[in-house]
Amino acid sequence: MKIPEHYQAVMPYLIVKTARKFIDFTEAVFGARVIHTEKGEDGTTIKHAEVQIEGSTIMFADATEQF
């Protein structure tokens, strides 16, 4: 398996209550850089996002009734 260049071998995937606040937190506290966001059909829910902190990627999404 070839891992894409800006990813590490193991990456956490978090389901969080408010993904936008998680982005704000990681930017303020860790100097994270947002590398991807994908919104849901409602235009506000974040169905997938990625931040990078000093070369490590964290993937996450807003919690939903299903997840």
PDB file of N, CA and C in Angstrom:
ATOM      1  N   MET A   1       0.847  -1.180   0.000  1.00  0.00           N
ATOM      2  CA  MET A   1       0.000   0.000   0.000  1.00  0.00           C
ATOM      3  C   MET A   1       0.890   1.240   0.000  1.00  0.00           C
ATOM      4  N   LYS A   2       0.606   2.174  -0.878  1.00  0.00           N
ATOM      5  CA  LYS A   2       1.363   3.418  -0.942  1.00  0.00           C
ATOM      6  C   LYS A   2       0.604   4.501  -0.190  1.00  0.00           C
ATOM      7  N   ILE A   3       1.238   5.046   0.842  1.00  0.00           N
ATOM      8  CA  ILE A   3       0.634   6.109   1.640  1.00  0.00           C
ATOM      9  C   ILE A   3       0.894   7.445   0.941  1.00  0.00           C
ATOM     10  N   PRO A   4      -0.146   8.270   0.717  1.00  0.00           N
ATOM     11  CA  PRO A   4       0.065   9.577   0.087  1.00  0.00           C
ATOM     12  C   PRO A   4       1.110  10.406   0.847  1.00  0.00           C
ATOM     13  N   GLU A   5       1.767  11.268   0.144  1.00  0.00           N
ATOM     14  CA  GLU A   5       2.924  12.006   0.659  1.00  0.00           C
ATOM     15  C   GLU A   5       2.687  12.748   1.970  1.00  0.00           C
ATOM     16  N   HIS A   6       1.569  13.418   2.153  1.00  0.00           N
ATOM     17  CA  HIS A   6       1.389  14.230   3.364  1.00  0.00           C
ATOM     18  C   HIS A   6       0.663  13.495   4.493  1.00  0.00           C
ATOM     19  N   TYR A   7       0.653  12.159   4.440  1.00  0.00           N
ATOM     20  CA  TYR A   7       0.025  11.352   5.483  1.00  0.00           C
ATOM     21  C   TYR A   7       1.062  10.474   6.178  1.00  0.00           C
ATOM     22  N   GLN A   8       0.774  10.132   7.446  1.00  0.00           N
ATOM     23  CA  GLN A   8       1.617   9.189   8.159  1.00  0.00           C
ATOM     24  C   GLN A   8       0.956   7.809   8.120  1.00  0.00           C
ATOM     25  N   ALA A   9       1.659   6.781   8.604  1.00  0.00           N
ATOM     26  CA  ALA A   9       1.160   5.406   8.513  1.00  0.00           C
ATOM     27  C   ALA A   9      -0.123   5.184   9.313  1.00  0.00           C
ATOM     28  N   VAL A  10      -0.250   5.833  10.476  1.00  0.00           N
ATOM     29  CA  VAL A  10      -1.441   5.683  11.317  1.00  0.00           C
ATOM     30  C   VAL A  10      -2.011   7.064  11.588  1.00  0.00           C
ATOM     31  N   MET A  11      -3.307   7.234  11.317  1.00  0.00           N
ATOM     32  CA  MET A  11      -3.943   8.534  11.530  1.00  0.00           C
ATOM     33  C   MET A  11      -5.221   8.370  12.325  1.00  0.00           C
ATOM     34  N   PRO A  12      -5.408   9.183  13.347  1.00  0.00           N
ATOM     35  CA  PRO A  12      -6.677   9.120  14.073  1.00  0.00           C
ATOM     36  C   PRO A  12      -7.805   9.702  13.228  1.00  0.00           C
ATOM     37  N   TYR A  13      -8.996   9.125  13.387  1.00  0.00           N
ATOM     38  CA  TYR A  13     -10.201   9.671  12.771  1.00  0.00           C
ATOM     39  C   TYR A  13     -11.193   9.903  13.907  1.00  0.00           C
ATOM     40  N   LEU A  14     -11.495  11.161  14.154  1.00  0.00           N
ATOM     41  CA  LEU A  14     -12.353  11.537  15.272  1.00  0.00           C
ATOM     42  C   LEU A  14     -13.737  11.945  14.795  1.00  0.00           C
ATOM     43  N   ILE A  15     -14.744  11.596  15.562  1.00  0.00           N
ATOM     44  CA  ILE A  15     -16.105  12.092  15.356  1.00  0.00           C
ATOM     45  C   ILE A  15     -16.353  13.045  16.518  1.00  0.00           C
ATOM     46  N   VAL A  16     -16.508  14.336  16.208  1.00  0.00           N
ATOM     47  CA  VAL A  16     -16.600  15.354  17.257  1.00  0.00           C
ATOM     48  C   VAL A  16     -17.939  16.078  17.190  1.00  0.00           C
ATOM     49  N   LYS A  17     -18.342  16.639  18.311  1.00  0.00           N
ATOM     50  CA  LYS A  17     -19.645  17.306  18.386  1.00  0.00           C
ATOM     51  C   LYS A  17     -19.698  18.554  17.497  1.00  0.00           C
ATOM     52  N   THR A  18     -18.648  19.350  17.501  1.00  0.00           N
ATOM     53  CA  THR A  18     -18.598  20.554  16.658  1.00  0.00           C
ATOM     54  C   THR A  18     -17.237  20.629  15.978  1.00  0.00           C
ATOM     55  N   ALA A  19     -17.195  20.126  14.754  1.00  0.00           N
ATOM     56  CA  ALA A  19     -15.945  20.062  14.003  1.00  0.00           C
ATOM     57  C   ALA A  19     -15.346  21.447  13.772  1.00  0.00           C
ATOM     58  N   ARG A  20     -16.191  22.446  13.539  1.00  0.00           N
ATOM     59  CA  ARG A  20     -15.667  23.809  13.318  1.00  0.00           C
ATOM     60  C   ARG A  20     -14.908  24.294  14.551  1.00  0.00           C
ATOM     61  N   LYS A  21     -15.423  24.028  15.733  1.00  0.00           N
ATOM     62  CA  LYS A  21     -14.730  24.419  16.961  1.00  0.00           C
ATOM     63  C   LYS A  21     -13.446  23.612  17.139  1.00  0.00           C
ATOM     64  N   PHE A  22     -13.449  22.358  16.704  1.00  0.00           N
ATOM     65  CA  PHE A  22     -12.239  21.545  16.776  1.00  0.00           C
ATOM     66  C   PHE A  22     -11.156  22.124  15.871  1.00  0.00           C
ATOM     67  N   ILE A  23     -11.549  22.586  14.693  1.00  0.00           N
ATOM     68  CA  ILE A  23     -10.592  23.248  13.791  1.00  0.00           C
ATOM     69  C   ILE A  23     -10.021  24.489  14.470  1.00  0.00           C
ATOM     70  N   ASP A  24     -10.897  25.337  15.004  1.00  0.00           N
ATOM     71  CA  ASP A  24     -10.451  26.558  15.681  1.00  0.00           C
ATOM     72  C   ASP A  24      -9.490  26.227  16.821  1.00  0.00           C
ATOM     73  N   PHE A  25      -9.815  25.196  17.611  1.00  0.00           N
ATOM     74  CA  PHE A  25      -8.973  24.778  18.733  1.00  0.00           C
ATOM     75  C   PHE A  25      -7.596  24.336  18.260  1.00  0.00           C
ATOM     76  N   THR A  26      -7.551  23.465  17.255  1.00  0.00           N
ATOM     77  CA  THR A  26      -6.248  22.964  16.801  1.00  0.00           C
ATOM     78  C   THR A  26      -5.403  24.070  16.174  1.00  0.00           C
ATOM     79  N   GLU A  27      -6.053  25.018  15.495  1.00  0.00           N
ATOM     80  CA  GLU A  27      -5.305  26.143  14.929  1.00  0.00           C
ATOM     81  C   GLU A  27      -4.717  27.014  16.040  1.00  0.00           C
ATOM     82  N   ALA A  28      -5.530  27.350  17.039  1.00  0.00           N
ATOM     83  CA  ALA A  28      -5.102  28.246  18.120  1.00  0.00           C
ATOM     84  C   ALA A  28      -4.059  27.598  19.027  1.00  0.00           C
ATOM     85  N   VAL A  29      -4.257  26.351  19.383  1.00  0.00           N
ATOM     86  CA  VAL A  29      -3.386  25.703  20.367  1.00  0.00           C
ATOM     87  C   VAL A  29      -2.151  25.073  19.724  1.00  0.00           C
ATOM     88  N   PHE A  30      -2.309  24.443  18.586  1.00  0.00           N
ATOM     89  CA  PHE A  30      -1.212  23.690  17.981  1.00  0.00           C
ATOM     90  C   PHE A  30      -0.668  24.291  16.688  1.00  0.00           C
ATOM     91  N   GLY A  31      -1.261  25.399  16.225  1.00  0.00           N
ATOM     92  CA  GLY A  31      -0.828  25.983  14.958  1.00  0.00           C
ATOM     93  C   GLY A  31      -1.161  25.093  13.772  1.00  0.00           C
ATOM     94  N   ALA A  32      -2.252  24.340  13.889  1.00  0.00           N
ATOM     95  CA  ALA A  32      -2.654  23.412  12.831  1.00  0.00           C
ATOM     96  C   ALA A  32      -2.967  24.153  11.541  1.00  0.00           C
ATOM     97  N   ARG A  33      -2.792  23.429  10.444  1.00  0.00           N
ATOM     98  CA  ARG A  33      -3.120  23.944   9.120  1.00  0.00           C
ATOM     99  C   ARG A  33      -4.208  23.046   8.537  1.00  0.00           C
ATOM    100  N   VAL A  34      -5.326  23.648   8.127  1.00  0.00           N
ATOM    101  CA  VAL A  34      -6.416  22.886   7.514  1.00  0.00           C
ATOM    102  C   VAL A  34      -5.978  22.494   6.115  1.00  0.00           C
ATOM    103  N   ILE A  35      -6.038  21.192   5.837  1.00  0.00           N
ATOM    104  CA  ILE A  35      -5.645  20.742   4.498  1.00  0.00           C
ATOM    105  C   ILE A  35      -6.823  20.252   3.666  1.00  0.00           C
ATOM    106  N   HIS A  36      -7.971  20.025   4.335  1.00  0.00           N
ATOM    107  CA  HIS A  36      -9.156  19.601   3.578  1.00  0.00           C
ATOM    108  C   HIS A  36     -10.405  19.752   4.444  1.00  0.00           C
ATOM    109  N   THR A  37     -11.475  20.245   3.850  1.00  0.00           N
ATOM    110  CA  THR A  37     -12.788  20.200   4.488  1.00  0.00           C
ATOM    111  C   THR A  37     -13.825  19.866   3.422  1.00  0.00           C
ATOM    112  N   GLU A  38     -14.785  19.071   3.825  1.00  0.00           N
ATOM    113  CA  GLU A  38     -15.881  18.694   2.929  1.00  0.00           C
ATOM    114  C   GLU A  38     -17.172  18.805   3.717  1.00  0.00           C
ATOM    115  N   LYS A  39     -18.059  19.663   3.249  1.00  0.00           N
ATOM    116  CA  LYS A  39     -19.321  19.884   3.951  1.00  0.00           C
ATOM    117  C   LYS A  39     -20.397  18.922   3.470  1.00  0.00           C
ATOM    118  N   GLY A  40     -21.354  18.668   4.358  1.00  0.00           N
ATOM    119  CA  GLY A  40     -22.483  17.817   4.027  1.00  0.00           C
ATOM    120  C   GLY A  40     -23.484  18.532   3.145  1.00  0.00           C
ATOM    121  N   GLU A  41     -24.540  17.835   2.806  1.00  0.00           N
ATOM    122  CA  GLU A  41     -25.568  18.383   1.919  1.00  0.00           C
ATOM    123  C   GLU A  41     -26.238  19.623   2.483  1.00  0.00           C
ATOM    124  N   ASP A  42     -26.280  19.755   3.825  1.00  0.00           N
ATOM    125  CA  ASP A  42     -26.910  20.927   4.435  1.00  0.00           C
ATOM    126  C   ASP A  42     -26.038  22.184   4.351  1.00  0.00           C
ATOM    127  N   GLY A  43     -24.791  22.034   3.909  1.00  0.00           N
ATOM    128  CA  GLY A  43     -23.893  23.176   3.742  1.00  0.00           C
ATOM    129  C   GLY A  43     -23.212  23.645   5.017  1.00  0.00           C
ATOM    130  N   THR A  44     -23.541  23.078   6.153  1.00  0.00           N
ATOM    131  CA  THR A  44     -22.911  23.487   7.413  1.00  0.00           C
ATOM    132  C   THR A  44     -22.204  22.340   8.131  1.00  0.00           C
ATOM    133  N   THR A  45     -22.765  21.144   8.063  1.00  0.00           N
ATOM    134  CA  THR A  45     -22.145  19.992   8.704  1.00  0.00           C
ATOM    135  C   THR A  45     -20.831  19.660   8.003  1.00  0.00           C
ATOM    136  N   ILE A  46     -19.802  19.413   8.772  1.00  0.00           N
ATOM    137  CA  ILE A  46     -18.531  18.987   8.185  1.00  0.00           C
ATOM    138  C   ILE A  46     -18.537  17.470   8.164  1.00  0.00           C
ATOM    139  N   LYS A  47     -18.585  16.911   6.940  1.00  0.00           N
ATOM    140  CA  LYS A  47     -18.645  15.451   6.848  1.00  0.00           C
ATOM    141  C   LYS A  47     -17.254  14.831   6.769  1.00  0.00           C
ATOM    142  N   HIS A  48     -16.235  15.630   6.476  1.00  0.00           N
ATOM    143  CA  HIS A  48     -14.851  15.162   6.523  1.00  0.00           C
ATOM    144  C   HIS A  48     -13.930  16.380   6.527  1.00  0.00           C
ATOM    145  N   ALA A  49     -12.943  16.339   7.400  1.00  0.00           N
ATOM    146  CA  ALA A  49     -11.946  17.410   7.432  1.00  0.00           C
ATOM    147  C   ALA A  49     -10.611  16.825   7.856  1.00  0.00           C
ATOM    148  N   GLU A  50      -9.550  17.542   7.506  1.00  0.00           N
ATOM    149  CA  GLU A  50      -8.207  17.125   7.884  1.00  0.00           C
ATOM    150  C   GLU A  50      -7.413  18.351   8.287  1.00  0.00           C
ATOM    151  N   VAL A  51      -6.703  18.232   9.409  1.00  0.00           N
ATOM    152  CA  VAL A  51      -5.758  19.259   9.808  1.00  0.00           C
ATOM    153  C   VAL A  51      -4.390  18.603   9.926  1.00  0.00           C
ATOM    154  N   GLN A  52      -3.368  19.413   9.725  1.00  0.00           N
ATOM    155  CA  GLN A  52      -2.011  18.916   9.845  1.00  0.00           C
ATOM    156  C   GLN A  52      -1.292  19.713  10.920  1.00  0.00           C
ATOM    157  N   ILE A  53      -0.649  18.992  11.829  1.00  0.00           N
ATOM    158  CA  ILE A  53       0.118  19.598  12.912  1.00  0.00           C
ATOM    159  C   ILE A  53       1.535  19.059  12.805  1.00  0.00           C
ATOM    160  N   GLU A  54       2.446  19.913  12.396  1.00  0.00           N
ATOM    161  CA  GLU A  54       3.858  19.546  12.258  1.00  0.00           C
ATOM    162  C   GLU A  54       4.053  18.207  11.556  1.00  0.00           C
ATOM    163  N   GLY A  55       3.389  18.038  10.422  1.00  0.00           N
ATOM    164  CA  GLY A  55       3.560  16.847   9.607  1.00  0.00           C
ATOM    165  C   GLY A  55       2.642  15.685   9.943  1.00  0.00           C
ATOM    166  N   SER A  56       1.856  15.778  11.002  1.00  0.00           N
ATOM    167  CA  SER A  56       0.915  14.722  11.362  1.00  0.00           C
ATOM    168  C   SER A  56      -0.509  15.155  11.044  1.00  0.00           C
ATOM    169  N   THR A  57      -1.264  14.257  10.462  1.00  0.00           N
ATOM    170  CA  THR A  57      -2.624  14.561  10.034  1.00  0.00           C
ATOM    171  C   THR A  57      -3.635  13.962  10.998  1.00  0.00           C
ATOM    172  N   ILE A  58      -4.663  14.740  11.314  1.00  0.00           N
ATOM    173  CA  ILE A  58      -5.813  14.260  12.066  1.00  0.00           C
ATOM    174  C   ILE A  58      -7.028  14.434  11.161  1.00  0.00           C
ATOM    175  N   MET A  59      -7.788  13.367  10.996  1.00  0.00           N
ATOM    176  CA  MET A  59      -9.022  13.412  10.217  1.00  0.00           C
ATOM    177  C   MET A  59     -10.198  13.396  11.188  1.00  0.00           C
ATOM    178  N   PHE A  60     -11.279  14.087  10.818  1.00  0.00           N
ATOM    179  CA  PHE A  60     -12.424  14.160  11.721  1.00  0.00           C
ATOM    180  C   PHE A  60     -13.675  14.598  10.973  1.00  0.00           C
ATOM    181  N   ALA A  61     -14.805  14.480  11.663  1.00  0.00           N
ATOM    182  CA  ALA A  61     -16.095  14.874  11.099  1.00  0.00           C
ATOM    183  C   ALA A  61     -17.029  15.254  12.234  1.00  0.00           C
ATOM    184  N   ASP A  62     -18.099  15.981  11.890  1.00  0.00           N
ATOM    185  CA  ASP A  62     -19.144  16.285  12.849  1.00  0.00           C
ATOM    186  C   ASP A  62     -19.890  15.001  13.212  1.00  0.00           C
ATOM    187  N   ALA A  63     -20.260  14.892  14.475  1.00  0.00           N
ATOM    188  CA  ALA A  63     -21.097  13.781  14.915  1.00  0.00           C
ATOM    189  C   ALA A  63     -22.484  13.926  14.291  1.00  0.00           C
ATOM    190  N   THR A  64     -23.093  12.801  13.985  1.00  0.00           N
ATOM    191  CA  THR A  64     -24.450  12.782  13.439  1.00  0.00           C
ATOM    192  C   THR A  64     -25.263  11.765  14.254  1.00  0.00           C
ATOM    193  N   GLU A  65     -26.525  11.656  13.961  1.00  0.00           N
ATOM    194  CA  GLU A  65     -27.345  10.655  14.662  1.00  0.00           C
ATOM    195  C   GLU A  65     -26.836   9.252  14.380  1.00  0.00           C
ATOM    196  N   GLN A  66     -26.335   9.030  13.181  1.00  0.00           N
ATOM    197  CA  GLN A  66     -25.822   7.705  12.797  1.00  0.00           C
ATOM    198  C   GLN A  66     -24.456   7.422  13.422  1.00  0.00           C
ATOM    199  N   PHE A  67     -23.606   8.449  13.528  1.00  0.00           N
ATOM    200  CA  PHE A  67     -22.251   8.285  14.051  1.00  0.00           C
ATOM    201  C   PHE A  67     -22.017   9.226  15.212  1.00  0.00           C
TER     202      PHE A  67
END
